[in-house]
Amino acid sequence: MTDAEWAVVRDAMPVSAWLERRGGQPESYCHRQLVDAVRYLVAGGIAWRAVPADFPAWDRVYAFFRRWRDKGLVAEFHDRLRDGDGVGHRGWRGGGVTARAS
């Protein structure tokens, strides 16, 4: 993901509860790496469990994907990448991206 693409998506990321002093603890994963992992999976059509070691563990990537999907953020990310600043949308396929754990 380029810096321009990340700048478009970053603003749509939810703020962690601990940053807003609502409890919880800091997240252990970089959101940019998680988005990169999802884009890699979608672009390559690979199974969740086949996530390369360069990315966070597949179950963490899938957990964040599910959370973002359930909040409508996957569609938001796609739309922002498609429409924002002409940076393209490599790796995202439509606003209705769905995925199953394999």
N, C-alpha and C. Protein backbone atom coordinates (compact mmCIF):
# COMPACT_ATOMS: atom_id res chain seq x y z
N MET A 1 0.85 -1.17 0.00
CA MET A 1 0.00 0.00 0.00
C MET A 1 0.90 1.23 0.00
N THR A 2 0.62 2.13 -0.90
CA THR A 2 1.42 3.35 -0.98
C THR A 2 1.03 4.29 0.16
N ASP A 3 1.88 5.27 0.40
CA ASP A 3 1.57 6.27 1.42
C ASP A 3 0.31 7.05 1.07
N ALA A 4 0.11 7.31 -0.22
CA ALA A 4 -1.09 8.04 -0.66
C ALA A 4 -2.35 7.21 -0.39
N GLU A 5 -2.29 5.91 -0.67
CA GLU A 5 -3.43 5.03 -0.40
C GLU A 5 -3.70 4.95 1.10
N TRP A 6 -2.65 4.82 1.89
CA TRP A 6 -2.82 4.74 3.35
C TRP A 6 -3.43 6.03 3.89
N ALA A 7 -3.02 7.17 3.38
CA ALA A 7 -3.58 8.45 3.84
C ALA A 7 -5.08 8.51 3.59
N VAL A 8 -5.53 7.92 2.49
CA VAL A 8 -6.96 7.91 2.17
C VAL A 8 -7.73 6.99 3.12
N VAL A 9 -7.16 5.85 3.45
CA VAL A 9 -7.83 4.85 4.29
C VAL A 9 -7.72 5.18 5.77
N ARG A 10 -6.59 5.71 6.18
CA ARG A 10 -6.31 5.94 7.61
C ARG A 10 -7.41 6.74 8.32
N ASP A 11 -7.96 7.73 7.65
CA ASP A 11 -8.99 8.56 8.27
C ASP A 11 -10.27 7.80 8.59
N ALA A 12 -10.50 6.68 7.90
CA ALA A 12 -11.71 5.89 8.15
C ALA A 12 -11.52 4.88 9.27
N MET A 13 -10.29 4.70 9.72
CA MET A 13 -10.01 3.72 10.77
C MET A 13 -10.68 4.13 12.08
N PRO A 14 -11.27 3.16 12.77
CA PRO A 14 -11.86 3.48 14.08
C PRO A 14 -10.77 3.79 15.10
N VAL A 15 -11.09 4.65 16.04
CA VAL A 15 -10.15 5.01 17.10
C VAL A 15 -10.28 3.96 18.20
N SER A 16 -9.16 3.45 18.66
CA SER A 16 -9.17 2.43 19.72
C SER A 16 -9.76 3.01 21.00
N ALA A 17 -10.46 2.15 21.73
CA ALA A 17 -11.11 2.58 22.98
C ALA A 17 -10.10 3.14 23.97
N TRP A 18 -8.93 2.54 24.06
CA TRP A 18 -7.94 3.00 25.04
C TRP A 18 -7.43 4.39 24.72
N LEU A 19 -7.43 4.78 23.43
CA LEU A 19 -7.01 6.13 23.07
C LEU A 19 -8.04 7.18 23.49
N GLU A 20 -9.29 6.74 23.58
CA GLU A 20 -10.36 7.65 24.01
C GLU A 20 -10.65 7.50 25.49
N ARG A 21 -9.76 6.82 26.19
CA ARG A 21 -9.88 6.61 27.63
C ARG A 21 -11.19 5.91 28.02
N ARG A 22 -11.56 4.93 27.17
CA ARG A 22 -12.76 4.13 27.46
C ARG A 22 -12.40 2.74 27.94
N GLY A 23 -11.15 2.55 28.33
CA GLY A 23 -10.71 1.24 28.80
C GLY A 23 -10.03 0.44 27.71
N GLY A 24 -9.76 -0.79 28.04
CA GLY A 24 -9.08 -1.66 27.09
C GLY A 24 -7.58 -1.44 27.11
N GLN A 25 -6.92 -2.03 26.14
CA GLN A 25 -5.47 -1.91 26.07
C GLN A 25 -5.05 -1.64 24.64
N PRO A 26 -3.84 -1.16 24.46
CA PRO A 26 -3.38 -0.85 23.10
C PRO A 26 -3.41 -2.10 22.21
N GLU A 27 -3.74 -1.89 20.93
CA GLU A 27 -3.74 -2.99 19.99
C GLU A 27 -2.30 -3.36 19.65
N SER A 28 -2.08 -4.61 19.40
CA SER A 28 -0.73 -5.12 19.14
C SER A 28 -0.34 -5.08 17.67
N TYR A 29 -1.27 -4.71 16.81
CA TYR A 29 -1.02 -4.80 15.38
C TYR A 29 -1.17 -3.46 14.70
N CYS A 30 -0.34 -3.24 13.72
CA CYS A 30 -0.40 -2.03 12.91
C CYS A 30 -1.56 -2.17 11.92
N HIS A 31 -2.46 -1.22 11.92
CA HIS A 31 -3.61 -1.29 11.02
C HIS A 31 -3.19 -1.30 9.56
N ARG A 32 -2.13 -0.60 9.24
CA ARG A 32 -1.67 -0.58 7.85
C ARG A 32 -1.26 -1.99 7.41
N GLN A 33 -0.57 -2.73 8.27
CA GLN A 33 -0.20 -4.11 7.93
C GLN A 33 -1.43 -4.99 7.78
N LEU A 34 -2.43 -4.77 8.60
CA LEU A 34 -3.66 -5.57 8.51
C LEU A 34 -4.39 -5.30 7.20
N VAL A 35 -4.48 -4.03 6.83
CA VAL A 35 -5.12 -3.69 5.55
C VAL A 35 -4.31 -4.28 4.40
N ASP A 36 -3.00 -4.18 4.47
CA ASP A 36 -2.15 -4.78 3.43
C ASP A 36 -2.38 -6.28 3.32
N ALA A 37 -2.52 -6.96 4.46
CA ALA A 37 -2.74 -8.40 4.45
C ALA A 37 -4.07 -8.75 3.79
N VAL A 38 -5.12 -8.00 4.11
CA VAL A 38 -6.44 -8.26 3.50
C VAL A 38 -6.36 -8.02 2.01
N ARG A 39 -5.72 -6.94 1.60
CA ARG A 39 -5.58 -6.66 0.17
C ARG A 39 -4.80 -7.76 -0.54
N TYR A 40 -3.77 -8.28 0.10
CA TYR A 40 -2.98 -9.37 -0.46
C TYR A 40 -3.85 -10.62 -0.65
N LEU A 41 -4.65 -10.92 0.35
CA LEU A 41 -5.54 -12.09 0.27
C LEU A 41 -6.55 -11.95 -0.84
N VAL A 42 -7.17 -10.78 -0.92
CA VAL A 42 -8.20 -10.56 -1.94
C VAL A 42 -7.59 -10.58 -3.33
N ALA A 43 -6.46 -9.90 -3.51
CA ALA A 43 -5.82 -9.84 -4.82
C ALA A 43 -5.33 -11.21 -5.29
N GLY A 44 -4.83 -12.01 -4.34
CA GLY A 44 -4.28 -13.31 -4.70
C GLY A 44 -5.28 -14.44 -4.65
N GLY A 45 -6.44 -14.19 -4.05
CA GLY A 45 -7.45 -15.24 -3.94
C GLY A 45 -6.99 -16.42 -3.09
N ILE A 46 -6.17 -16.14 -2.10
CA ILE A 46 -5.64 -17.23 -1.26
C ILE A 46 -6.48 -17.41 0.00
N ALA A 47 -6.27 -18.53 0.66
CA ALA A 47 -6.99 -18.84 1.90
C ALA A 47 -6.42 -18.01 3.05
N TRP A 48 -7.26 -17.76 4.04
CA TRP A 48 -6.84 -16.98 5.21
C TRP A 48 -5.62 -17.60 5.88
N ARG A 49 -5.63 -18.92 6.00
CA ARG A 49 -4.52 -19.58 6.69
C ARG A 49 -3.22 -19.57 5.90
N ALA A 50 -3.27 -19.10 4.67
CA ALA A 50 -2.07 -19.04 3.83
C ALA A 50 -1.43 -17.65 3.85
N VAL A 51 -1.79 -16.83 4.82
CA VAL A 51 -1.19 -15.50 4.93
C VAL A 51 0.31 -15.66 5.16
N PRO A 52 1.13 -15.00 4.35
CA PRO A 52 2.59 -15.11 4.52
C PRO A 52 3.04 -14.60 5.89
N ALA A 53 4.18 -15.05 6.31
CA ALA A 53 4.72 -14.68 7.62
C ALA A 53 5.08 -13.20 7.71
N ASP A 54 5.12 -12.50 6.59
CA ASP A 54 5.41 -11.07 6.60
C ASP A 54 4.28 -10.26 7.23
N PHE A 55 3.11 -10.85 7.31
CA PHE A 55 1.93 -10.18 7.86
C PHE A 55 1.63 -10.73 9.25
N PRO A 56 0.75 -10.05 10.00
CA PRO A 56 0.33 -10.63 11.28
C PRO A 56 -0.32 -12.00 11.07
N ALA A 57 -0.47 -12.74 12.14
CA ALA A 57 -1.07 -14.08 12.07
C ALA A 57 -2.44 -14.03 11.40
N TRP A 58 -2.76 -15.08 10.64
CA TRP A 58 -3.99 -15.09 9.85
C TRP A 58 -5.23 -14.87 10.70
N ASP A 59 -5.27 -15.45 11.92
CA ASP A 59 -6.47 -15.31 12.73
C ASP A 59 -6.67 -13.88 13.21
N ARG A 60 -5.59 -13.14 13.42
CA ARG A 60 -5.69 -11.72 13.80
C ARG A 60 -6.15 -10.90 12.60
N VAL A 61 -5.60 -11.19 11.43
CA VAL A 61 -6.01 -10.48 10.22
C VAL A 61 -7.50 -10.72 9.99
N TYR A 62 -7.93 -11.96 10.11
CA TYR A 62 -9.34 -12.29 9.89
C TYR A 62 -10.24 -11.64 10.94
N ALA A 63 -9.79 -11.60 12.20
CA ALA A 63 -10.58 -10.97 13.26
C ALA A 63 -10.79 -9.48 12.97
N PHE A 64 -9.73 -8.80 12.55
CA PHE A 64 -9.88 -7.38 12.22
C PHE A 64 -10.75 -7.20 10.98
N PHE A 65 -10.56 -8.06 9.97
CA PHE A 65 -11.40 -7.98 8.77
C PHE A 65 -12.87 -8.12 9.14
N ARG A 66 -13.20 -9.12 9.97
CA ARG A 66 -14.59 -9.32 10.39
C ARG A 66 -15.13 -8.10 11.11
N ARG A 67 -14.33 -7.56 12.01
CA ARG A 67 -14.76 -6.38 12.77
C ARG A 67 -15.03 -5.21 11.81
N TRP A 68 -14.10 -4.98 10.89
CA TRP A 68 -14.27 -3.89 9.93
C TRP A 68 -15.45 -4.15 9.00
N ARG A 69 -15.62 -5.40 8.55
CA ARG A 69 -16.74 -5.74 7.67
C ARG A 69 -18.07 -5.50 8.37
N ASP A 70 -18.16 -5.95 9.61
CA ASP A 70 -19.41 -5.81 10.36
C ASP A 70 -19.78 -4.35 10.62
N LYS A 71 -18.79 -3.48 10.67
CA LYS A 71 -19.04 -2.05 10.87
C LYS A 71 -19.17 -1.30 9.55
N GLY A 72 -19.09 -2.02 8.42
CA GLY A 72 -19.21 -1.39 7.11
C GLY A 72 -17.94 -0.70 6.65
N LEU A 73 -16.83 -0.94 7.33
CA LEU A 73 -15.59 -0.25 6.98
C LEU A 73 -14.91 -0.83 5.75
N VAL A 74 -15.10 -2.10 5.46
CA VAL A 74 -14.48 -2.67 4.26
C VAL A 74 -15.01 -1.96 3.03
N ALA A 75 -16.32 -1.74 2.98
CA ALA A 75 -16.91 -1.01 1.86
C ALA A 75 -16.40 0.44 1.85
N GLU A 76 -16.26 1.03 3.02
CA GLU A 76 -15.75 2.40 3.12
C GLU A 76 -14.31 2.48 2.60
N PHE A 77 -13.47 1.52 3.00
CA PHE A 77 -12.08 1.50 2.52
C PHE A 77 -12.06 1.38 1.00
N HIS A 78 -12.87 0.47 0.49
CA HIS A 78 -12.92 0.26 -0.96
C HIS A 78 -13.33 1.54 -1.67
N ASP A 79 -14.41 2.15 -1.19
CA ASP A 79 -14.90 3.37 -1.83
C ASP A 79 -13.87 4.49 -1.79
N ARG A 80 -13.21 4.62 -0.65
CA ARG A 80 -12.19 5.68 -0.53
C ARG A 80 -11.02 5.41 -1.47
N LEU A 81 -10.58 4.18 -1.57
CA LEU A 81 -9.47 3.87 -2.47
C LEU A 81 -9.88 4.02 -3.93
N ARG A 82 -11.11 3.69 -4.24
CA ARG A 82 -11.59 3.81 -5.61
C ARG A 82 -11.76 5.28 -6.00
N ASP A 83 -12.35 6.07 -5.10
CA ASP A 83 -12.71 7.45 -5.43
C ASP A 83 -11.67 8.48 -5.00
N GLY A 84 -10.91 8.17 -3.96
CA GLY A 84 -10.03 9.17 -3.37
C GLY A 84 -8.74 9.40 -4.12
N ASP A 85 -8.57 10.61 -4.59
CA ASP A 85 -7.30 11.06 -5.17
C ASP A 85 -6.79 10.20 -6.31
N GLY A 86 -7.63 9.37 -6.89
CA GLY A 86 -7.22 8.57 -8.03
C GLY A 86 -6.10 7.60 -7.74
N VAL A 87 -6.02 7.11 -6.49
CA VAL A 87 -4.92 6.22 -6.14
C VAL A 87 -5.19 4.77 -6.52
N GLY A 88 -6.37 4.49 -7.00
CA GLY A 88 -6.65 3.13 -7.44
C GLY A 88 -7.20 2.25 -6.34
N HIS A 89 -7.41 0.99 -6.67
CA HIS A 89 -7.98 0.07 -5.69
C HIS A 89 -7.42 -1.33 -5.85
N ARG A 90 -6.12 -1.43 -6.04
CA ARG A 90 -5.51 -2.75 -6.17
C ARG A 90 -5.85 -3.59 -4.94
N GLY A 91 -6.40 -4.76 -5.18
CA GLY A 91 -6.62 -5.68 -4.07
C GLY A 91 -8.00 -5.63 -3.45
N TRP A 92 -8.82 -4.65 -3.77
CA TRP A 92 -10.18 -4.62 -3.23
C TRP A 92 -11.11 -4.94 -4.37
N ARG A 93 -12.09 -5.77 -4.10
CA ARG A 93 -13.06 -6.13 -5.14
C ARG A 93 -14.44 -5.78 -4.68
N GLY A 94 -14.93 -4.65 -5.11
CA GLY A 94 -16.29 -4.25 -4.81
C GLY A 94 -16.52 -3.97 -3.34
N GLY A 95 -17.57 -3.20 -3.06
CA GLY A 95 -17.91 -2.85 -1.69
C GLY A 95 -18.43 -4.02 -0.92
N GLY A 96 -18.87 -5.07 -1.60
CA GLY A 96 -19.43 -6.23 -0.92
C GLY A 96 -18.42 -7.35 -0.72
N VAL A 97 -17.19 -7.00 -0.38
CA VAL A 97 -16.16 -8.01 -0.17
C VAL A 97 -16.59 -8.93 0.96
N THR A 98 -16.55 -10.21 0.70
CA THR A 98 -16.83 -11.19 1.74
C THR A 98 -15.70 -12.19 1.75
N ALA A 99 -15.49 -12.77 2.87
CA ALA A 99 -14.43 -13.78 2.97
C ALA A 99 -14.80 -14.78 4.04
N ARG A 100 -14.35 -16.00 3.84
CA ARG A 100 -14.58 -17.06 4.83
C ARG A 100 -13.24 -17.52 5.36
N ALA A 101 -13.23 -17.91 6.59
CA ALA A 101 -12.01 -18.51 7.14
C ALA A 101 -11.85 -19.88 6.53
N SER A 102 -10.65 -20.20 6.10
CA SER A 102 -10.42 -21.53 5.52
C SER A 102 -9.33 -22.25 6.25
